Amino acid sequence: MSRLKLPFALALSALLHAALLFWPRASEAPVAPTVERLQARLLAPRPAEAQPEPPAATPLLKDTRSERADETPPAPAVVPAPRAAPVASAKARERAQRQLNKHVFYPQEAIDRGLEGEVKLRLVLDDSGRVIDAAVLAGSGHPLLDRAALNAARQIGRIDAGGARELLLPVVFRLE
């Protein structure tokens, strides 16, 4: 008898599950959807209304200078001229270029890929000539070379630029 308990239990379970799955439910009765139908119809065009024409004496552009003739124009604001930053001499620029070139490293990945280009850097210097900011003004078209030029500019440290606060220096990457 104990051998028949397991198959009997499995058969009973399968029968009950099948009955539950296939038993018709009252909530499953088909319900007809109530959808309002849209109707479109064409309306007769409205008659064109006559629009009044503007008088010929009124100009399209109005001259407002004559209305302000009695007002006194405001005095122009006095703006102090910006203090010109000292320009680096050619000798100072050449020294800075040599110092930058000492720190330029041609990335091996760029060499392997045959990348070449020229990066124009803008270096901002403090009063002592230390590089406080470096930015790419004109990229080479290859981010790898642009990053290498910026890294070189950040490694320079101090530049004797003859009191200049800003330097524009090119970094040329060429394979030979």
N, C-alpha and C. Protein backbone atom coordinates (compact mmCIF):
# COMPACT_ATOMS: atom_id res chain seq x y z
N MET A 1 0.81 -1.19 0.00
CA MET A 1 0.00 0.00 0.00
C MET A 1 0.86 1.26 0.00
N SER A 2 2.00 1.20 0.69
CA SER A 2 2.85 2.38 0.78
C SER A 2 3.47 2.70 -0.57
N ARG A 3 3.59 1.72 -1.45
CA ARG A 3 4.14 1.97 -2.77
C ARG A 3 3.16 2.72 -3.65
N LEU A 4 1.91 2.66 -3.37
CA LEU A 4 0.90 3.30 -4.19
C LEU A 4 0.60 4.73 -3.74
N LYS A 5 1.07 5.13 -2.57
CA LYS A 5 0.76 6.46 -2.04
C LYS A 5 1.37 7.57 -2.90
N LEU A 6 2.60 7.45 -3.29
CA LEU A 6 3.26 8.50 -4.07
C LEU A 6 2.64 8.66 -5.46
N PRO A 7 2.44 7.61 -6.23
CA PRO A 7 1.81 7.81 -7.54
C PRO A 7 0.39 8.34 -7.42
N PHE A 8 -0.34 7.86 -6.38
CA PHE A 8 -1.71 8.34 -6.18
C PHE A 8 -1.70 9.84 -5.84
N ALA A 9 -0.78 10.29 -5.01
CA ALA A 9 -0.70 11.69 -4.62
C ALA A 9 -0.33 12.56 -5.83
N LEU A 10 0.58 12.07 -6.66
CA LEU A 10 0.97 12.83 -7.85
C LEU A 10 -0.18 12.94 -8.84
N ALA A 11 -0.93 11.84 -9.04
CA ALA A 11 -2.06 11.86 -9.97
C ALA A 11 -3.14 12.80 -9.46
N LEU A 12 -3.41 12.76 -8.16
CA LEU A 12 -4.44 13.63 -7.57
C LEU A 12 -4.03 15.10 -7.69
N SER A 13 -2.76 15.38 -7.46
CA SER A 13 -2.27 16.75 -7.56
C SER A 13 -2.38 17.26 -9.00
N ALA A 14 -2.01 16.43 -9.96
CA ALA A 14 -2.10 16.83 -11.36
C ALA A 14 -3.53 17.08 -11.77
N LEU A 15 -4.47 16.24 -11.29
CA LEU A 15 -5.89 16.39 -11.60
C LEU A 15 -6.44 17.69 -11.03
N LEU A 16 -6.08 18.00 -9.80
CA LEU A 16 -6.57 19.25 -9.17
C LEU A 16 -6.01 20.49 -9.87
N HIS A 17 -4.75 20.43 -10.22
CA HIS A 17 -4.16 21.57 -10.92
C HIS A 17 -4.78 21.79 -12.29
N ALA A 18 -5.03 20.70 -12.99
CA ALA A 18 -5.66 20.81 -14.30
C ALA A 18 -7.07 21.37 -14.17
N ALA A 19 -7.79 20.94 -13.14
CA ALA A 19 -9.15 21.44 -12.93
C ALA A 19 -9.13 22.94 -12.63
N LEU A 20 -8.15 23.38 -11.84
CA LEU A 20 -8.08 24.81 -11.51
C LEU A 20 -7.69 25.64 -12.73
N LEU A 21 -6.81 25.10 -13.55
CA LEU A 21 -6.38 25.85 -14.72
C LEU A 21 -7.47 25.99 -15.77
N PHE A 22 -8.24 24.96 -15.96
CA PHE A 22 -9.21 24.96 -17.05
C PHE A 22 -10.65 25.19 -16.59
N TRP A 23 -10.89 25.43 -15.35
CA TRP A 23 -12.24 25.67 -14.83
C TRP A 23 -12.72 27.04 -15.30
N PRO A 24 -13.89 27.12 -15.90
CA PRO A 24 -14.36 28.43 -16.37
C PRO A 24 -14.69 29.34 -15.19
N ARG A 25 -14.27 30.57 -15.31
CA ARG A 25 -14.51 31.55 -14.25
C ARG A 25 -15.62 32.49 -14.68
N ALA A 26 -16.34 33.01 -13.72
CA ALA A 26 -17.45 33.93 -14.03
C ALA A 26 -16.91 35.27 -14.50
N SER A 27 -15.74 35.66 -14.02
CA SER A 27 -15.19 36.96 -14.39
C SER A 27 -14.61 36.97 -15.79
N GLU A 28 -14.45 35.78 -16.40
CA GLU A 28 -13.87 35.71 -17.73
C GLU A 28 -14.90 35.81 -18.84
N ALA A 29 -16.12 36.15 -18.50
CA ALA A 29 -17.15 36.28 -19.52
C ALA A 29 -16.76 37.41 -20.45
N PRO A 30 -16.87 37.23 -21.73
CA PRO A 30 -16.46 38.28 -22.66
C PRO A 30 -17.31 39.53 -22.46
N VAL A 31 -16.63 40.62 -22.33
CA VAL A 31 -17.29 41.91 -22.14
C VAL A 31 -17.08 42.71 -23.42
N ALA A 32 -18.15 43.19 -23.96
CA ALA A 32 -18.04 43.99 -25.18
C ALA A 32 -17.51 45.36 -24.80
N PRO A 33 -16.42 45.76 -25.40
CA PRO A 33 -15.88 47.08 -25.06
C PRO A 33 -16.80 48.19 -25.57
N THR A 34 -16.95 49.18 -24.74
CA THR A 34 -17.76 50.33 -25.14
C THR A 34 -16.82 51.41 -25.61
N VAL A 35 -16.69 51.53 -26.90
CA VAL A 35 -15.80 52.52 -27.49
C VAL A 35 -16.65 53.49 -28.27
N GLU A 36 -16.44 54.75 -27.95
CA GLU A 36 -17.17 55.76 -28.72
C GLU A 36 -16.45 55.93 -30.04
N ARG A 37 -17.20 55.96 -31.07
CA ARG A 37 -16.61 56.12 -32.39
C ARG A 37 -16.43 57.60 -32.69
N LEU A 38 -15.31 57.88 -33.27
CA LEU A 38 -15.04 59.25 -33.66
C LEU A 38 -15.63 59.50 -35.05
N GLN A 39 -16.17 60.65 -35.19
CA GLN A 39 -16.71 61.01 -36.49
C GLN A 39 -16.06 62.31 -36.92
N ALA A 40 -15.68 62.35 -38.15
CA ALA A 40 -15.09 63.56 -38.69
C ALA A 40 -15.93 64.00 -39.88
N ARG A 41 -16.08 65.30 -39.97
CA ARG A 41 -16.81 65.82 -41.12
C ARG A 41 -16.17 67.14 -41.53
N LEU A 42 -16.29 67.44 -42.77
CA LEU A 42 -15.71 68.66 -43.30
C LEU A 42 -16.72 69.78 -43.20
N LEU A 43 -16.24 70.91 -42.75
CA LEU A 43 -17.09 72.09 -42.68
C LEU A 43 -16.87 72.93 -43.93
N ALA A 44 -17.88 73.64 -44.27
CA ALA A 44 -17.77 74.54 -45.42
C ALA A 44 -16.79 75.65 -45.06
N PRO A 45 -15.95 76.06 -46.00
CA PRO A 45 -14.98 77.13 -45.70
C PRO A 45 -15.70 78.42 -45.38
N ARG A 46 -15.08 79.15 -44.46
CA ARG A 46 -15.65 80.45 -44.08
C ARG A 46 -15.39 81.45 -45.20
N PRO A 47 -16.29 82.34 -45.39
CA PRO A 47 -16.04 83.36 -46.43
C PRO A 47 -14.88 84.25 -46.00
N ALA A 48 -14.05 84.61 -46.95
CA ALA A 48 -12.90 85.45 -46.67
C ALA A 48 -13.38 86.83 -46.24
N GLU A 49 -12.85 87.24 -45.09
CA GLU A 49 -13.23 88.56 -44.60
C GLU A 49 -12.27 89.59 -45.19
N ALA A 50 -12.81 90.69 -45.51
CA ALA A 50 -11.98 91.76 -46.08
C ALA A 50 -11.19 92.41 -44.96
N GLN A 51 -9.87 92.46 -45.12
CA GLN A 51 -9.03 93.07 -44.10
C GLN A 51 -8.74 94.50 -44.52
N PRO A 52 -8.82 95.40 -43.56
CA PRO A 52 -8.56 96.80 -43.91
C PRO A 52 -7.08 96.99 -44.25
N GLU A 53 -6.81 97.74 -45.26
CA GLU A 53 -5.44 98.02 -45.66
C GLU A 53 -4.90 99.14 -44.79
N PRO A 54 -3.62 99.08 -44.44
CA PRO A 54 -3.07 100.16 -43.63
C PRO A 54 -3.02 101.44 -44.44
N PRO A 55 -3.18 102.55 -43.76
CA PRO A 55 -3.12 103.81 -44.49
C PRO A 55 -1.75 103.99 -45.14
N ALA A 56 -1.73 104.56 -46.31
CA ALA A 56 -0.50 104.73 -47.07
C ALA A 56 0.44 105.73 -46.41
N ALA A 57 -0.07 106.62 -45.58
CA ALA A 57 0.76 107.64 -44.97
C ALA A 57 1.63 107.09 -43.83
N THR A 58 1.26 105.95 -43.27
CA THR A 58 2.02 105.39 -42.16
C THR A 58 3.22 104.63 -42.71
N PRO A 59 4.45 105.06 -42.39
CA PRO A 59 5.62 104.35 -42.89
C PRO A 59 5.77 103.00 -42.16
N LEU A 60 6.39 102.05 -42.83
CA LEU A 60 6.61 100.75 -42.21
C LEU A 60 7.61 100.83 -41.06
N LEU A 61 8.65 101.62 -41.24
CA LEU A 61 9.63 101.82 -40.18
C LEU A 61 9.46 103.21 -39.61
N LYS A 62 9.42 103.27 -38.30
CA LYS A 62 9.19 104.54 -37.65
C LYS A 62 10.52 105.16 -37.24
N ASP A 63 10.67 106.45 -37.48
CA ASP A 63 11.88 107.16 -37.10
C ASP A 63 11.70 107.63 -35.66
N THR A 64 12.41 107.00 -34.74
CA THR A 64 12.25 107.34 -33.33
C THR A 64 13.24 108.41 -32.88
N ARG A 65 14.15 108.80 -33.74
CA ARG A 65 15.13 109.82 -33.34
C ARG A 65 14.45 111.15 -33.07
N SER A 66 13.42 111.47 -33.83
CA SER A 66 12.77 112.77 -33.65
C SER A 66 12.02 112.82 -32.33
N GLU A 67 11.57 111.70 -31.80
CA GLU A 67 10.85 111.69 -30.53
C GLU A 67 11.80 111.89 -29.36
N ARG A 68 13.07 111.52 -29.52
CA ARG A 68 14.03 111.64 -28.44
C ARG A 68 14.84 112.93 -28.53
N ALA A 69 14.51 113.78 -29.43
CA ALA A 69 15.30 115.00 -29.64
C ALA A 69 15.30 115.88 -28.40
N ASP A 70 14.20 115.89 -27.65
CA ASP A 70 14.13 116.76 -26.48
C ASP A 70 14.84 116.15 -25.27
N GLU A 71 15.09 114.84 -25.29
CA GLU A 71 15.78 114.22 -24.17
C GLU A 71 17.28 114.41 -24.34
N THR A 72 17.98 114.56 -23.25
CA THR A 72 19.44 114.66 -23.32
C THR A 72 20.00 113.25 -23.28
N PRO A 73 20.89 112.95 -24.18
CA PRO A 73 21.45 111.59 -24.19
C PRO A 73 22.29 111.35 -22.94
N PRO A 74 22.27 110.14 -22.45
CA PRO A 74 23.07 109.86 -21.25
C PRO A 74 24.56 109.95 -21.59
N ALA A 75 25.31 110.39 -20.61
CA ALA A 75 26.75 110.51 -20.80
C ALA A 75 27.35 109.11 -20.92
N PRO A 76 28.29 108.96 -21.82
CA PRO A 76 28.90 107.64 -21.95
C PRO A 76 29.67 107.29 -20.68
N ALA A 77 29.56 106.03 -20.31
CA ALA A 77 30.25 105.58 -19.11
C ALA A 77 31.74 105.54 -19.37
N VAL A 78 32.48 105.99 -18.38
CA VAL A 78 33.93 105.99 -18.51
C VAL A 78 34.43 104.62 -18.06
N VAL A 79 34.99 103.92 -19.00
CA VAL A 79 35.52 102.59 -18.72
C VAL A 79 37.03 102.70 -18.76
N PRO A 80 37.67 102.31 -17.67
CA PRO A 80 39.13 102.40 -17.71
C PRO A 80 39.68 101.39 -18.71
N ALA A 81 40.70 101.81 -19.40
CA ALA A 81 41.33 100.94 -20.38
C ALA A 81 41.97 99.76 -19.66
N PRO A 82 41.80 98.57 -20.19
CA PRO A 82 42.41 97.42 -19.52
C PRO A 82 43.92 97.54 -19.54
N ARG A 83 44.49 97.12 -18.43
CA ARG A 83 45.93 97.17 -18.32
C ARG A 83 46.52 96.09 -19.21
N ALA A 84 47.32 96.49 -20.11
CA ALA A 84 47.89 95.53 -21.05
C ALA A 84 48.89 94.64 -20.32
N ALA A 85 48.72 93.37 -20.53
CA ALA A 85 49.66 92.43 -19.94
C ALA A 85 50.97 92.53 -20.70
N PRO A 86 52.06 92.47 -19.97
CA PRO A 86 53.34 92.55 -20.67
C PRO A 86 53.45 91.41 -21.67
N VAL A 87 53.96 91.74 -22.83
CA VAL A 87 54.12 90.75 -23.88
C VAL A 87 55.52 90.16 -23.76
N ALA A 88 55.57 88.85 -23.87
CA ALA A 88 56.86 88.19 -23.76
C ALA A 88 57.72 88.54 -24.97
N SER A 89 58.96 88.82 -24.72
CA SER A 89 59.88 89.12 -25.82
C SER A 89 60.15 87.82 -26.57
N ALA A 90 60.70 87.97 -27.75
CA ALA A 90 61.01 86.79 -28.56
C ALA A 90 62.02 85.90 -27.84
N LYS A 91 62.95 86.52 -27.14
CA LYS A 91 63.96 85.75 -26.42
C LYS A 91 63.33 84.96 -25.27
N ALA A 92 62.40 85.63 -24.55
CA ALA A 92 61.72 84.95 -23.43
C ALA A 92 60.84 83.82 -23.96
N ARG A 93 60.18 84.05 -25.08
CA ARG A 93 59.32 83.01 -25.67
C ARG A 93 60.16 81.81 -26.11
N GLU A 94 61.34 82.10 -26.66
CA GLU A 94 62.23 81.03 -27.10
C GLU A 94 62.73 80.21 -25.91
N ARG A 95 63.06 80.89 -24.80
CA ARG A 95 63.49 80.17 -23.59
C ARG A 95 62.36 79.30 -23.06
N ALA A 96 61.14 79.84 -23.06
CA ALA A 96 59.99 79.09 -22.58
C ALA A 96 59.72 77.88 -23.48
N GLN A 97 59.88 78.06 -24.78
CA GLN A 97 59.66 76.95 -25.73
C GLN A 97 60.67 75.84 -25.48
N ARG A 98 61.93 76.21 -25.27
CA ARG A 98 62.96 75.20 -25.00
C ARG A 98 62.65 74.45 -23.70
N GLN A 99 62.21 75.18 -22.68
CA GLN A 99 61.89 74.56 -21.40
C GLN A 99 60.69 73.62 -21.55
N LEU A 100 59.70 74.02 -22.34
CA LEU A 100 58.54 73.16 -22.58
C LEU A 100 58.96 71.91 -23.34
N ASN A 101 59.81 72.07 -24.34
CA ASN A 101 60.24 70.93 -25.17
C ASN A 101 60.99 69.88 -24.36
N LYS A 102 61.63 70.29 -23.26
CA LYS A 102 62.34 69.34 -22.40
C LYS A 102 61.35 68.37 -21.74
N HIS A 103 60.12 68.81 -21.52
CA HIS A 103 59.14 68.01 -20.80
C HIS A 103 58.15 67.29 -21.71
N VAL A 104 58.24 67.53 -23.02
CA VAL A 104 57.29 66.88 -23.94
C VAL A 104 57.68 65.42 -24.10
N PHE A 105 56.70 64.55 -23.94
CA PHE A 105 56.89 63.12 -24.08
C PHE A 105 55.95 62.64 -25.17
N TYR A 106 56.49 62.04 -26.22
CA TYR A 106 55.68 61.52 -27.33
C TYR A 106 55.12 60.17 -26.88
N PRO A 107 53.82 60.06 -26.67
CA PRO A 107 53.24 58.80 -26.16
C PRO A 107 53.50 57.64 -27.11
N GLN A 108 53.85 56.49 -26.53
CA GLN A 108 54.15 55.30 -27.33
C GLN A 108 52.95 54.88 -28.16
N GLU A 109 51.75 55.01 -27.60
CA GLU A 109 50.54 54.64 -28.35
C GLU A 109 50.38 55.51 -29.59
N ALA A 110 50.73 56.80 -29.47
CA ALA A 110 50.65 57.70 -30.62
C ALA A 110 51.68 57.32 -31.67
N ILE A 111 52.85 56.90 -31.23
CA ILE A 111 53.89 56.47 -32.17
C ILE A 111 53.43 55.21 -32.90
N ASP A 112 52.87 54.26 -32.13
CA ASP A 112 52.40 53.00 -32.74
C ASP A 112 51.29 53.25 -33.76
N ARG A 113 50.44 54.23 -33.48
CA ARG A 113 49.32 54.53 -34.38
C ARG A 113 49.70 55.51 -35.48
N GLY A 114 50.92 56.05 -35.42
CA GLY A 114 51.38 56.99 -36.45
C GLY A 114 50.72 58.35 -36.36
N LEU A 115 50.38 58.80 -35.14
CA LEU A 115 49.70 60.08 -34.97
C LEU A 115 50.70 61.23 -34.97
N GLU A 116 50.37 62.28 -35.69
CA GLU A 116 51.18 63.49 -35.72
C GLU A 116 50.25 64.68 -35.59
N GLY A 117 50.79 65.81 -35.17
CA GLY A 117 49.97 67.01 -35.10
C GLY A 117 50.67 68.11 -34.34
N GLU A 118 49.99 69.25 -34.29
CA GLU A 118 50.52 70.42 -33.57
C GLU A 118 49.46 70.90 -32.60
N VAL A 119 49.87 71.11 -31.36
CA VAL A 119 48.98 71.57 -30.30
C VAL A 119 49.42 72.97 -29.92
N LYS A 120 48.49 73.91 -29.88
CA LYS A 120 48.81 75.28 -29.43
C LYS A 120 48.31 75.42 -28.00
N LEU A 121 49.24 75.72 -27.11
CA LEU A 121 48.93 75.84 -25.68
C LEU A 121 48.91 77.29 -25.25
N ARG A 122 48.04 77.59 -24.30
CA ARG A 122 48.02 78.90 -23.63
C ARG A 122 48.42 78.66 -22.19
N LEU A 123 49.52 79.25 -21.78
CA LEU A 123 50.01 79.12 -20.42
C LEU A 123 49.77 80.42 -19.68
N VAL A 124 49.14 80.34 -18.52
CA VAL A 124 48.92 81.52 -17.68
C VAL A 124 49.91 81.42 -16.53
N LEU A 125 50.65 82.52 -16.33
CA LEU A 125 51.71 82.55 -15.32
C LEU A 125 51.35 83.50 -14.20
N ASP A 126 51.85 83.20 -13.00
CA ASP A 126 51.68 84.15 -11.90
C ASP A 126 52.84 85.14 -11.92
N ASP A 127 52.93 86.00 -10.91
CA ASP A 127 53.96 87.04 -10.90
C ASP A 127 55.38 86.48 -10.90
N SER A 128 55.55 85.30 -10.30
CA SER A 128 56.90 84.73 -10.23
C SER A 128 57.24 83.90 -11.46
N GLY A 129 56.29 83.73 -12.41
CA GLY A 129 56.55 82.98 -13.63
C GLY A 129 56.14 81.52 -13.53
N ARG A 130 55.49 81.14 -12.43
CA ARG A 130 55.04 79.77 -12.27
C ARG A 130 53.78 79.55 -13.09
N VAL A 131 53.68 78.40 -13.76
CA VAL A 131 52.50 78.08 -14.59
C VAL A 131 51.35 77.75 -13.66
N ILE A 132 50.29 78.59 -13.72
CA ILE A 132 49.13 78.32 -12.87
C ILE A 132 47.96 77.73 -13.66
N ASP A 133 48.01 77.84 -14.99
CA ASP A 133 46.95 77.25 -15.80
C ASP A 133 47.50 76.98 -17.19
N ALA A 134 47.07 75.87 -17.76
CA ALA A 134 47.45 75.51 -19.13
C ALA A 134 46.20 75.04 -19.84
N ALA A 135 46.00 75.50 -21.06
CA ALA A 135 44.82 75.11 -21.83
C ALA A 135 45.20 74.93 -23.29
N VAL A 136 44.46 74.06 -23.96
CA VAL A 136 44.68 73.82 -25.39
C VAL A 136 43.86 74.85 -26.17
N LEU A 137 44.53 75.69 -26.94
CA LEU A 137 43.83 76.66 -27.78
C LEU A 137 43.43 76.03 -29.10
N ALA A 138 44.34 75.30 -29.70
CA ALA A 138 44.06 74.60 -30.96
C ALA A 138 44.63 73.20 -30.82
N GLY A 139 43.75 72.23 -30.87
CA GLY A 139 44.16 70.85 -30.70
C GLY A 139 44.76 70.27 -31.96
N SER A 140 45.38 69.13 -31.79
CA SER A 140 46.02 68.43 -32.91
C SER A 140 45.02 67.56 -33.66
N GLY A 141 43.86 67.37 -33.09
CA GLY A 141 42.90 66.45 -33.68
C GLY A 141 42.99 65.06 -33.04
N HIS A 142 43.96 64.89 -32.16
CA HIS A 142 44.14 63.61 -31.47
C HIS A 142 44.21 63.90 -29.96
N PRO A 143 43.22 63.49 -29.20
CA PRO A 143 43.21 63.77 -27.75
C PRO A 143 44.46 63.24 -27.04
N LEU A 144 45.04 62.18 -27.53
CA LEU A 144 46.24 61.61 -26.93
C LEU A 144 47.40 62.61 -26.98
N LEU A 145 47.58 63.27 -28.13
CA LEU A 145 48.65 64.26 -28.26
C LEU A 145 48.33 65.52 -27.47
N ASP A 146 47.06 65.92 -27.43
CA ASP A 146 46.66 67.11 -26.67
C ASP A 146 46.96 66.90 -25.17
N ARG A 147 46.65 65.72 -24.66
CA ARG A 147 46.93 65.43 -23.24
C ARG A 147 48.43 65.43 -22.96
N ALA A 148 49.21 64.89 -23.89
CA ALA A 148 50.67 64.86 -23.71
C ALA A 148 51.23 66.28 -23.65
N ALA A 149 50.71 67.18 -24.47
CA ALA A 149 51.18 68.57 -24.46
C ALA A 149 50.79 69.25 -23.15
N LEU A 150 49.57 69.01 -22.68
CA LEU A 150 49.14 69.60 -21.41
C LEU A 150 49.97 69.07 -20.24
N ASN A 151 50.28 67.79 -20.26
CA ASN A 151 51.11 67.22 -19.19
C ASN A 151 52.48 67.87 -19.17
N ALA A 152 53.04 68.11 -20.35
CA ALA A 152 54.35 68.77 -20.42
C ALA A 152 54.27 70.18 -19.85
N ALA A 153 53.21 70.90 -20.16
CA ALA A 153 53.06 72.27 -19.67
C ALA A 153 52.93 72.29 -18.14
N ARG A 154 52.28 71.29 -17.58
CA ARG A 154 52.10 71.25 -16.12
C ARG A 154 53.41 70.88 -15.41
N GLN A 155 54.33 70.25 -16.11
CA GLN A 155 55.59 69.84 -15.50
C GLN A 155 56.67 70.91 -15.56
N ILE A 156 56.42 71.97 -16.29
CA ILE A 156 57.45 73.00 -16.47
C ILE A 156 57.86 73.62 -15.15
N GLY A 157 56.90 73.97 -14.35
CA GLY A 157 57.22 74.65 -13.09
C GLY A 157 57.25 76.15 -13.30
N ARG A 158 58.44 76.75 -13.27
CA ARG A 158 58.59 78.19 -13.41
C ARG A 158 59.27 78.53 -14.74
N ILE A 159 58.77 79.59 -15.37
CA ILE A 159 59.33 80.05 -16.65
C ILE A 159 59.74 81.51 -16.49
N ASP A 160 60.91 81.83 -16.99
CA ASP A 160 61.32 83.23 -17.01
C ASP A 160 60.79 83.83 -18.31
N ALA A 161 59.62 84.44 -18.23
CA ALA A 161 58.97 84.99 -19.43
C ALA A 161 59.07 86.50 -19.48
N GLY A 162 59.98 87.09 -18.73
CA GLY A 162 60.17 88.53 -18.78
C GLY A 162 58.97 89.31 -18.27
N GLY A 163 58.27 88.78 -17.28
CA GLY A 163 57.13 89.49 -16.70
C GLY A 163 55.81 89.24 -17.41
N ALA A 164 55.82 88.47 -18.46
CA ALA A 164 54.57 88.18 -19.18
C ALA A 164 53.67 87.30 -18.33
N ARG A 165 52.37 87.52 -18.43
CA ARG A 165 51.39 86.75 -17.66
C ARG A 165 50.78 85.62 -18.48
N GLU A 166 51.01 85.64 -19.78
CA GLU A 166 50.40 84.64 -20.65
C GLU A 166 51.36 84.35 -21.80
N LEU A 167 51.47 83.08 -22.12
CA LEU A 167 52.31 82.66 -23.25
C LEU A 167 51.51 81.74 -24.15
N LEU A 168 51.69 81.89 -25.43
CA LEU A 168 51.10 80.99 -26.42
C LEU A 168 52.25 80.23 -27.06
N LEU A 169 52.26 78.91 -26.82
CA LEU A 169 53.37 78.11 -27.30
C LEU A 169 52.86 76.91 -28.09
N PRO A 170 53.51 76.59 -29.22
CA PRO A 170 53.13 75.40 -29.97
C PRO A 170 53.92 74.18 -29.48
N VAL A 171 53.29 73.02 -29.57
CA VAL A 171 53.96 71.75 -29.30
C VAL A 171 53.75 70.92 -30.56
N VAL A 172 54.84 70.56 -31.23
CA VAL A 172 54.76 69.86 -32.51
C VAL A 172 55.14 68.39 -32.30
N PHE A 173 54.26 67.50 -32.71
CA PHE A 173 54.51 66.07 -32.67
C PHE A 173 54.71 65.59 -34.10
N ARG A 174 55.93 65.20 -34.46
CA ARG A 174 56.23 64.70 -35.80
C ARG A 174 57.04 63.42 -35.69
N LEU A 175 56.69 62.46 -36.50
CA LEU A 175 57.44 61.21 -36.57
C LEU A 175 58.45 61.33 -37.70
N GLU A 176 59.64 60.82 -37.50
CA GLU A 176 60.67 60.91 -38.53
C GLU A 176 61.05 59.55 -39.03
